[in-house]
N, C-alpha and C. Protein backbone atom coordinates (compact mmCIF):
# COMPACT_ATOMS: atom_id res chain seq x y z
N MET A 1 0.84 -1.18 0.00
CA MET A 1 0.00 0.00 0.00
C MET A 1 0.89 1.25 0.00
N THR A 2 0.41 2.29 -0.61
CA THR A 2 1.15 3.54 -0.65
C THR A 2 0.37 4.62 0.09
N ASP A 3 1.08 5.34 0.93
CA ASP A 3 0.49 6.43 1.71
C ASP A 3 0.91 7.76 1.07
N TYR A 4 -0.07 8.52 0.61
CA TYR A 4 0.18 9.82 0.01
C TYR A 4 -0.27 10.91 0.97
N ARG A 5 0.47 11.99 1.00
CA ARG A 5 0.06 13.17 1.76
C ARG A 5 0.34 14.40 0.91
N THR A 6 -0.44 15.43 1.19
CA THR A 6 -0.29 16.70 0.48
C THR A 6 -0.08 17.81 1.49
N GLY A 7 0.78 18.73 1.17
CA GLY A 7 0.99 19.90 2.02
C GLY A 7 0.82 21.17 1.22
N LEU A 8 0.26 22.18 1.88
CA LEU A 8 0.03 23.48 1.25
C LEU A 8 0.83 24.54 2.00
N GLY A 9 1.54 25.36 1.26
CA GLY A 9 2.32 26.44 1.88
C GLY A 9 2.02 27.77 1.23
N TRP A 10 2.15 28.83 2.01
CA TRP A 10 1.91 30.18 1.53
C TRP A 10 2.83 31.13 2.29
N ASP A 11 3.34 32.13 1.59
CA ASP A 11 4.15 33.14 2.25
C ASP A 11 4.00 34.47 1.52
N ASN A 12 4.20 35.55 2.23
CA ASN A 12 4.24 36.86 1.60
C ASN A 12 5.21 37.75 2.37
N HIS A 13 5.74 38.72 1.66
CA HIS A 13 6.62 39.71 2.27
C HIS A 13 6.40 41.05 1.60
N ARG A 14 6.65 42.10 2.38
CA ARG A 14 6.64 43.45 1.81
C ARG A 14 7.83 43.60 0.87
N LEU A 15 7.67 44.48 -0.09
CA LEU A 15 8.76 44.85 -0.98
C LEU A 15 9.33 46.19 -0.50
N ALA A 16 10.65 46.31 -0.55
CA ALA A 16 11.31 47.53 -0.09
C ALA A 16 12.50 47.84 -1.00
N PRO A 17 12.77 49.11 -1.22
CA PRO A 17 13.93 49.49 -2.03
C PRO A 17 15.23 49.03 -1.38
N GLY A 18 16.19 48.70 -2.22
CA GLY A 18 17.51 48.34 -1.72
C GLY A 18 17.61 46.93 -1.14
N ARG A 19 16.56 46.14 -1.24
CA ARG A 19 16.58 44.76 -0.75
C ARG A 19 16.74 43.82 -1.94
N VAL A 20 17.06 42.56 -1.66
CA VAL A 20 17.26 41.57 -2.71
C VAL A 20 15.94 40.85 -3.00
N LEU A 21 15.64 40.72 -4.29
CA LEU A 21 14.49 39.95 -4.74
C LEU A 21 15.02 38.58 -5.15
N ILE A 22 14.69 37.57 -4.35
CA ILE A 22 15.26 36.24 -4.55
C ILE A 22 14.15 35.21 -4.53
N LEU A 23 14.18 34.31 -5.52
CA LEU A 23 13.17 33.26 -5.64
C LEU A 23 13.87 31.93 -5.91
N ALA A 24 13.69 30.99 -5.02
CA ALA A 24 14.34 29.67 -5.10
C ALA A 24 15.86 29.83 -5.21
N GLY A 25 16.38 30.82 -4.51
CA GLY A 25 17.82 31.04 -4.50
C GLY A 25 18.34 31.82 -5.68
N VAL A 26 17.46 32.21 -6.60
CA VAL A 26 17.87 32.95 -7.80
C VAL A 26 17.60 34.44 -7.56
N VAL A 27 18.64 35.25 -7.69
CA VAL A 27 18.50 36.70 -7.51
C VAL A 27 17.93 37.29 -8.80
N ILE A 28 16.83 38.03 -8.64
CA ILE A 28 16.15 38.67 -9.76
C ILE A 28 16.48 40.17 -9.70
N PRO A 29 17.10 40.71 -10.74
CA PRO A 29 17.42 42.15 -10.72
C PRO A 29 16.14 42.99 -10.67
N HIS A 30 16.06 43.85 -9.66
CA HIS A 30 14.90 44.72 -9.52
C HIS A 30 15.24 45.79 -8.49
N GLU A 31 14.52 46.92 -8.54
CA GLU A 31 14.81 48.01 -7.61
C GLU A 31 14.29 47.75 -6.20
N THR A 32 13.40 46.77 -6.04
CA THR A 32 12.92 46.40 -4.71
C THR A 32 13.18 44.93 -4.47
N GLY A 33 13.13 44.57 -3.20
CA GLY A 33 13.29 43.18 -2.81
C GLY A 33 12.49 42.92 -1.55
N PHE A 34 12.68 41.75 -0.98
CA PHE A 34 11.86 41.33 0.15
C PHE A 34 12.37 41.85 1.48
N GLU A 35 11.46 42.44 2.23
CA GLU A 35 11.74 42.90 3.59
C GLU A 35 11.45 41.71 4.50
N ALA A 36 12.50 41.17 5.12
CA ALA A 36 12.33 39.95 5.91
C ALA A 36 13.47 39.78 6.89
N HIS A 37 13.26 38.90 7.87
CA HIS A 37 14.31 38.57 8.84
C HIS A 37 15.39 37.73 8.17
N SER A 38 14.98 36.74 7.37
CA SER A 38 15.93 35.91 6.63
C SER A 38 16.17 36.57 5.27
N ASP A 39 16.54 35.78 4.26
CA ASP A 39 16.71 36.36 2.92
C ASP A 39 15.37 36.69 2.26
N GLY A 40 14.26 36.23 2.87
CA GLY A 40 12.93 36.58 2.40
C GLY A 40 12.46 35.83 1.17
N ASP A 41 13.11 34.74 0.82
CA ASP A 41 12.75 33.98 -0.38
C ASP A 41 11.36 33.37 -0.21
N ILE A 42 10.34 34.09 -0.67
CA ILE A 42 8.95 33.66 -0.44
C ILE A 42 8.65 32.31 -1.08
N LEU A 43 9.29 32.00 -2.18
CA LEU A 43 9.04 30.71 -2.83
C LEU A 43 9.54 29.56 -1.96
N LEU A 44 10.74 29.69 -1.43
CA LEU A 44 11.27 28.64 -0.56
C LEU A 44 10.54 28.60 0.78
N HIS A 45 10.06 29.73 1.25
CA HIS A 45 9.28 29.73 2.50
C HIS A 45 7.97 28.97 2.30
N ALA A 46 7.32 29.17 1.16
CA ALA A 46 6.08 28.46 0.87
C ALA A 46 6.33 26.96 0.73
N VAL A 47 7.42 26.58 0.08
CA VAL A 47 7.76 25.16 -0.05
C VAL A 47 8.05 24.56 1.32
N THR A 48 8.77 25.28 2.16
CA THR A 48 9.05 24.81 3.52
C THR A 48 7.76 24.56 4.27
N ASP A 49 6.84 25.52 4.23
CA ASP A 49 5.55 25.35 4.91
C ASP A 49 4.77 24.16 4.37
N ALA A 50 4.80 23.97 3.07
CA ALA A 50 4.09 22.85 2.46
C ALA A 50 4.67 21.51 2.94
N LEU A 51 5.99 21.43 2.98
CA LEU A 51 6.64 20.19 3.45
C LEU A 51 6.29 19.92 4.91
N LEU A 52 6.38 20.94 5.74
CA LEU A 52 6.05 20.78 7.16
C LEU A 52 4.59 20.40 7.34
N GLY A 53 3.72 21.01 6.56
CA GLY A 53 2.29 20.70 6.65
C GLY A 53 1.97 19.28 6.24
N ALA A 54 2.68 18.76 5.26
CA ALA A 54 2.42 17.40 4.78
C ALA A 54 2.69 16.35 5.85
N VAL A 55 3.58 16.65 6.79
CA VAL A 55 3.87 15.70 7.88
C VAL A 55 3.37 16.23 9.22
N ALA A 56 2.47 17.21 9.16
CA ALA A 56 1.80 17.76 10.35
C ALA A 56 2.78 18.24 11.42
N LEU A 57 3.79 19.00 10.97
CA LEU A 57 4.80 19.51 11.89
C LEU A 57 4.82 21.04 11.95
N GLY A 58 3.64 21.62 11.84
CA GLY A 58 3.53 23.06 12.03
C GLY A 58 3.91 23.86 10.82
N ASP A 59 4.55 25.01 11.09
CA ASP A 59 4.90 25.92 10.01
C ASP A 59 6.31 26.47 10.20
N ILE A 60 6.74 27.24 9.23
CA ILE A 60 8.11 27.75 9.21
C ILE A 60 8.43 28.59 10.45
N GLY A 61 7.45 29.37 10.93
CA GLY A 61 7.67 30.22 12.10
C GLY A 61 7.93 29.44 13.38
N MET A 62 7.40 28.23 13.46
CA MET A 62 7.64 27.38 14.63
C MET A 62 9.07 26.85 14.64
N HIS A 63 9.61 26.59 13.46
CA HIS A 63 10.95 26.00 13.35
C HIS A 63 12.04 27.06 13.23
N PHE A 64 11.69 28.20 12.65
CA PHE A 64 12.67 29.28 12.40
C PHE A 64 12.05 30.63 12.77
N PRO A 65 11.83 30.89 14.06
CA PRO A 65 11.15 32.12 14.45
C PRO A 65 11.96 33.37 14.08
N ASP A 66 11.25 34.40 13.64
CA ASP A 66 11.94 35.63 13.25
C ASP A 66 12.41 36.44 14.45
N THR A 67 12.16 35.91 15.64
CA THR A 67 12.67 36.54 16.86
C THR A 67 14.04 35.97 17.24
N ASP A 68 14.49 34.94 16.54
CA ASP A 68 15.76 34.29 16.83
C ASP A 68 16.85 34.89 15.95
N PRO A 69 17.85 35.53 16.57
CA PRO A 69 18.90 36.20 15.79
C PRO A 69 19.71 35.26 14.89
N GLN A 70 19.72 33.96 15.18
CA GLN A 70 20.51 33.06 14.34
C GLN A 70 19.96 32.96 12.91
N TRP A 71 18.69 33.36 12.70
CA TRP A 71 18.10 33.27 11.37
C TRP A 71 18.15 34.60 10.63
N LYS A 72 18.73 35.63 11.25
CA LYS A 72 18.86 36.94 10.60
C LYS A 72 19.68 36.80 9.32
N GLY A 73 19.07 37.11 8.19
CA GLY A 73 19.75 37.04 6.91
C GLY A 73 20.00 35.63 6.40
N ALA A 74 19.45 34.61 7.06
CA ALA A 74 19.70 33.21 6.68
C ALA A 74 19.19 32.91 5.28
N SER A 75 19.93 32.06 4.60
CA SER A 75 19.51 31.59 3.28
C SER A 75 18.37 30.59 3.47
N SER A 76 17.30 30.78 2.74
CA SER A 76 16.10 29.97 2.91
C SER A 76 16.27 28.53 2.47
N ASP A 77 17.34 28.23 1.74
CA ASP A 77 17.56 26.82 1.39
C ASP A 77 17.78 25.98 2.65
N ARG A 78 18.27 26.60 3.72
CA ARG A 78 18.43 25.89 5.00
C ARG A 78 17.08 25.44 5.54
N PHE A 79 16.06 26.26 5.37
CA PHE A 79 14.72 25.94 5.86
C PHE A 79 14.15 24.75 5.09
N VAL A 80 14.33 24.77 3.76
CA VAL A 80 13.83 23.66 2.93
C VAL A 80 14.55 22.37 3.28
N ARG A 81 15.86 22.43 3.43
CA ARG A 81 16.63 21.22 3.76
C ARG A 81 16.18 20.63 5.10
N HIS A 82 15.92 21.49 6.08
CA HIS A 82 15.44 21.05 7.38
C HIS A 82 14.08 20.35 7.24
N ALA A 83 13.17 20.99 6.52
CA ALA A 83 11.83 20.41 6.33
C ALA A 83 11.91 19.08 5.57
N LEU A 84 12.76 19.01 4.56
CA LEU A 84 12.93 17.75 3.82
C LEU A 84 13.46 16.64 4.73
N ALA A 85 14.39 16.98 5.61
CA ALA A 85 14.94 16.00 6.55
C ALA A 85 13.84 15.48 7.47
N LEU A 86 12.94 16.35 7.90
CA LEU A 86 11.83 15.92 8.75
C LEU A 86 10.86 15.02 7.99
N VAL A 87 10.61 15.33 6.75
CA VAL A 87 9.76 14.49 5.89
C VAL A 87 10.39 13.10 5.77
N GLN A 88 11.67 13.06 5.48
CA GLN A 88 12.38 11.79 5.32
C GLN A 88 12.45 11.01 6.63
N ALA A 89 12.60 11.71 7.75
CA ALA A 89 12.65 11.05 9.05
C ALA A 89 11.33 10.34 9.37
N LYS A 90 10.24 10.82 8.80
CA LYS A 90 8.93 10.18 8.99
C LYS A 90 8.69 9.08 7.96
N GLY A 91 9.70 8.79 7.13
CA GLY A 91 9.60 7.70 6.17
C GLY A 91 9.00 8.07 4.82
N TYR A 92 8.85 9.35 4.56
CA TYR A 92 8.27 9.80 3.30
C TYR A 92 9.36 10.29 2.35
N ARG A 93 9.00 10.33 1.09
CA ARG A 93 9.86 10.96 0.08
C ARG A 93 9.02 11.95 -0.70
N LEU A 94 9.65 13.02 -1.12
CA LEU A 94 8.97 14.05 -1.89
C LEU A 94 8.72 13.52 -3.30
N SER A 95 7.51 13.72 -3.80
CA SER A 95 7.14 13.24 -5.13
C SER A 95 6.93 14.37 -6.13
N ASN A 96 6.38 15.49 -5.67
CA ASN A 96 6.01 16.55 -6.60
C ASN A 96 5.95 17.90 -5.87
N VAL A 97 6.30 18.96 -6.59
CA VAL A 97 6.18 20.33 -6.06
C VAL A 97 5.53 21.19 -7.14
N ASP A 98 4.48 21.90 -6.77
CA ASP A 98 3.83 22.84 -7.67
C ASP A 98 3.74 24.18 -6.95
N THR A 99 4.22 25.24 -7.58
CA THR A 99 4.29 26.55 -6.92
C THR A 99 3.72 27.65 -7.80
N THR A 100 3.33 28.73 -7.13
CA THR A 100 2.88 29.94 -7.81
C THR A 100 3.47 31.15 -7.09
N VAL A 101 4.05 32.06 -7.84
CA VAL A 101 4.53 33.33 -7.31
C VAL A 101 3.60 34.42 -7.84
N VAL A 102 3.11 35.25 -6.93
CA VAL A 102 2.24 36.36 -7.31
C VAL A 102 3.03 37.65 -7.06
N LEU A 103 3.37 38.32 -8.15
CA LEU A 103 4.22 39.51 -8.11
C LEU A 103 3.83 40.39 -9.28
N GLN A 104 3.53 41.63 -9.01
CA GLN A 104 3.11 42.52 -10.09
C GLN A 104 4.24 42.81 -11.06
N ARG A 105 5.40 43.12 -10.49
CA ARG A 105 6.56 43.48 -11.29
C ARG A 105 7.81 43.11 -10.53
N PRO A 106 8.86 42.64 -11.14
CA PRO A 106 9.08 42.50 -12.58
C PRO A 106 8.41 41.24 -13.13
N LYS A 107 8.27 41.18 -14.43
CA LYS A 107 7.79 39.97 -15.09
C LYS A 107 8.87 38.90 -14.92
N LEU A 108 8.46 37.70 -14.59
CA LEU A 108 9.41 36.65 -14.24
C LEU A 108 9.59 35.57 -15.31
N LYS A 109 8.87 35.65 -16.40
CA LYS A 109 8.88 34.56 -17.39
C LYS A 109 10.28 34.22 -17.88
N ASP A 110 11.15 35.21 -17.99
CA ASP A 110 12.51 34.94 -18.46
C ASP A 110 13.36 34.20 -17.43
N PHE A 111 12.88 34.12 -16.19
CA PHE A 111 13.61 33.45 -15.12
C PHE A 111 13.02 32.07 -14.78
N ARG A 112 11.93 31.70 -15.45
CA ARG A 112 11.20 30.48 -15.10
C ARG A 112 12.11 29.25 -15.02
N GLU A 113 12.84 28.97 -16.07
CA GLU A 113 13.64 27.74 -16.08
C GLU A 113 14.76 27.78 -15.06
N THR A 114 15.38 28.93 -14.87
CA THR A 114 16.45 29.05 -13.88
C THR A 114 15.90 28.80 -12.48
N ILE A 115 14.75 29.38 -12.17
CA ILE A 115 14.13 29.19 -10.86
C ILE A 115 13.70 27.73 -10.70
N ARG A 116 13.11 27.18 -11.73
CA ARG A 116 12.63 25.78 -11.68
C ARG A 116 13.79 24.81 -11.48
N VAL A 117 14.87 25.00 -12.22
CA VAL A 117 16.05 24.14 -12.07
C VAL A 117 16.63 24.27 -10.67
N SER A 118 16.74 25.49 -10.17
CA SER A 118 17.27 25.71 -8.83
C SER A 118 16.43 25.00 -7.77
N LEU A 119 15.10 25.12 -7.89
CA LEU A 119 14.21 24.47 -6.93
C LEU A 119 14.30 22.95 -7.05
N ALA A 120 14.31 22.43 -8.26
CA ALA A 120 14.41 20.98 -8.46
C ALA A 120 15.70 20.42 -7.86
N GLU A 121 16.80 21.11 -8.07
CA GLU A 121 18.08 20.67 -7.51
C GLU A 121 18.04 20.69 -5.98
N LEU A 122 17.46 21.75 -5.42
CA LEU A 122 17.40 21.87 -3.97
C LEU A 122 16.60 20.73 -3.35
N VAL A 123 15.46 20.40 -3.93
CA VAL A 123 14.59 19.37 -3.33
C VAL A 123 14.91 17.97 -3.84
N GLY A 124 15.83 17.85 -4.78
CA GLY A 124 16.26 16.54 -5.24
C GLY A 124 15.26 15.83 -6.13
N LEU A 125 14.53 16.60 -6.94
CA LEU A 125 13.55 16.00 -7.84
C LEU A 125 13.94 16.25 -9.29
N PRO A 126 13.52 15.34 -10.19
CA PRO A 126 13.71 15.62 -11.61
C PRO A 126 12.85 16.83 -12.01
N LEU A 127 13.26 17.51 -13.04
CA LEU A 127 12.59 18.73 -13.47
C LEU A 127 11.12 18.51 -13.81
N ASP A 128 10.76 17.33 -14.28
CA ASP A 128 9.37 17.09 -14.65
C ASP A 128 8.45 16.87 -13.45
N ARG A 129 8.99 17.04 -12.23
CA ARG A 129 8.18 16.93 -11.01
C ARG A 129 8.16 18.26 -10.23
N VAL A 130 8.64 19.32 -10.87
CA VAL A 130 8.70 20.64 -10.23
C VAL A 130 8.09 21.66 -11.19
N ASN A 131 7.11 22.40 -10.71
CA ASN A 131 6.47 23.41 -11.55
C ASN A 131 6.52 24.76 -10.84
N VAL A 132 6.73 25.80 -11.63
CA VAL A 132 6.74 27.17 -11.12
C VAL A 132 5.86 28.01 -12.04
N LYS A 133 4.86 28.63 -11.45
CA LYS A 133 3.95 29.50 -12.20
C LYS A 133 4.10 30.93 -11.69
N PHE A 134 3.82 31.89 -12.56
CA PHE A 134 3.89 33.30 -12.19
C PHE A 134 2.58 33.98 -12.53
N LYS A 135 2.11 34.80 -11.61
CA LYS A 135 0.88 35.57 -11.80
C LYS A 135 1.12 37.00 -11.35
N THR A 136 0.34 37.92 -11.90
CA THR A 136 0.29 39.26 -11.34
C THR A 136 -0.99 39.32 -10.51
N ALA A 137 -1.17 40.40 -9.82
CA ALA A 137 -2.40 40.59 -9.05
C ALA A 137 -3.35 41.54 -9.77
N GLU A 138 -3.08 41.77 -11.06
CA GLU A 138 -3.94 42.63 -11.87
C GLU A 138 -4.12 44.02 -11.24
N LYS A 139 -3.03 44.48 -10.59
CA LYS A 139 -3.00 45.81 -9.95
C LYS A 139 -4.01 45.96 -8.81
N VAL A 140 -4.39 44.85 -8.20
CA VAL A 140 -5.35 44.85 -7.09
C VAL A 140 -4.63 44.51 -5.80
N GLY A 141 -4.95 45.23 -4.73
CA GLY A 141 -4.40 44.93 -3.41
C GLY A 141 -2.93 45.24 -3.28
N PRO A 142 -2.32 44.83 -2.15
CA PRO A 142 -0.92 45.17 -1.89
C PRO A 142 0.05 44.58 -2.93
N VAL A 143 -0.25 43.39 -3.45
CA VAL A 143 0.63 42.82 -4.47
C VAL A 143 0.49 43.63 -5.76
N GLY A 144 -0.73 43.90 -6.15
CA GLY A 144 -0.98 44.66 -7.37
C GLY A 144 -0.45 46.08 -7.30
N GLU A 145 -0.40 46.62 -6.09
CA GLU A 145 0.14 47.97 -5.88
C GLU A 145 1.65 47.96 -5.69
N GLU A 146 2.26 46.79 -5.86
CA GLU A 146 3.71 46.60 -5.76
C GLU A 146 4.26 46.89 -4.37
N ARG A 147 3.45 46.66 -3.36
CA ARG A 147 3.90 46.82 -1.98
C ARG A 147 4.34 45.49 -1.37
N SER A 148 3.92 44.37 -1.99
CA SER A 148 4.27 43.06 -1.47
C SER A 148 4.24 42.03 -2.59
N ALA A 149 4.62 40.81 -2.25
CA ALA A 149 4.56 39.67 -3.16
C ALA A 149 4.22 38.45 -2.33
N GLU A 150 3.70 37.42 -2.99
CA GLU A 150 3.36 36.20 -2.26
C GLU A 150 3.68 34.98 -3.11
N ALA A 151 3.79 33.86 -2.42
CA ALA A 151 4.04 32.58 -3.10
C ALA A 151 3.20 31.51 -2.44
N GLN A 152 2.81 30.54 -3.24
CA GLN A 152 2.05 29.39 -2.78
C GLN A 152 2.77 28.13 -3.25
N ALA A 153 2.66 27.07 -2.48
CA ALA A 153 3.26 25.80 -2.88
C ALA A 153 2.38 24.65 -2.42
N VAL A 154 2.32 23.63 -3.26
CA VAL A 154 1.67 22.37 -2.92
C VAL A 154 2.69 21.28 -3.16
N VAL A 155 2.85 20.41 -2.17
CA VAL A 155 3.75 19.28 -2.33
C VAL A 155 2.99 17.98 -2.12
N THR A 156 3.46 16.94 -2.78
CA THR A 156 2.96 15.58 -2.56
C THR A 156 4.12 14.77 -2.04
N ILE A 157 3.89 14.07 -0.94
CA ILE A 157 4.90 13.16 -0.42
C ILE A 157 4.32 11.75 -0.41
N VAL A 158 5.19 10.76 -0.44
CA VAL A 158 4.78 9.37 -0.58
C VAL A 158 5.56 8.50 0.39
N ARG A 159 4.86 7.48 0.94
CA ARG A 159 5.53 6.47 1.76
C ARG A 159 4.91 5.12 1.41
N ASP A 160 5.76 4.16 1.11
CA ASP A 160 5.28 2.80 0.86
C ASP A 160 5.16 2.11 2.20
N THR A 161 4.00 1.48 2.44
CA THR A 161 3.75 0.79 3.70
C THR A 161 3.53 -0.69 3.44
N ASN A 162 3.60 -1.49 4.48
CA ASN A 162 3.41 -2.94 4.36
C ASN A 162 2.02 -3.37 4.82
N GLU A 163 1.09 -2.46 4.85
CA GLU A 163 -0.26 -2.79 5.34
C GLU A 163 -1.08 -3.47 4.27
């Protein structure tokens, strides 16, 4: 028998001048970037939350609180690696990742494959099991007004059982 689980993750951060705009570890040239305690990589934060949710282990803030100075400026790949280790410790393996980044500007289509490859390498999946989508907010709300950005992630994990 095979045991499947799904996790959903979401993250958002304010945009601020002079900050780095980074998605799945890829720096995107832009005049604003994410205002955050860590590097603010909303895509990796959403993936981390999805992984933790799939094994019912809370959320990113429980594992990496923004009140802890050790995470100041931390690279978000550390968060994903930690969450993946917890998934594996429970006997599961990651099967699929599907993500969406909602950002009014800049347009990200030219970065799609670079971001996708970076994410696939980080989570150890073949490229055909990792998807990255980009949306604008149609100039509505804080994302549409270019004050913030958000990311969503859904992961599927699998464990083979002897039941």
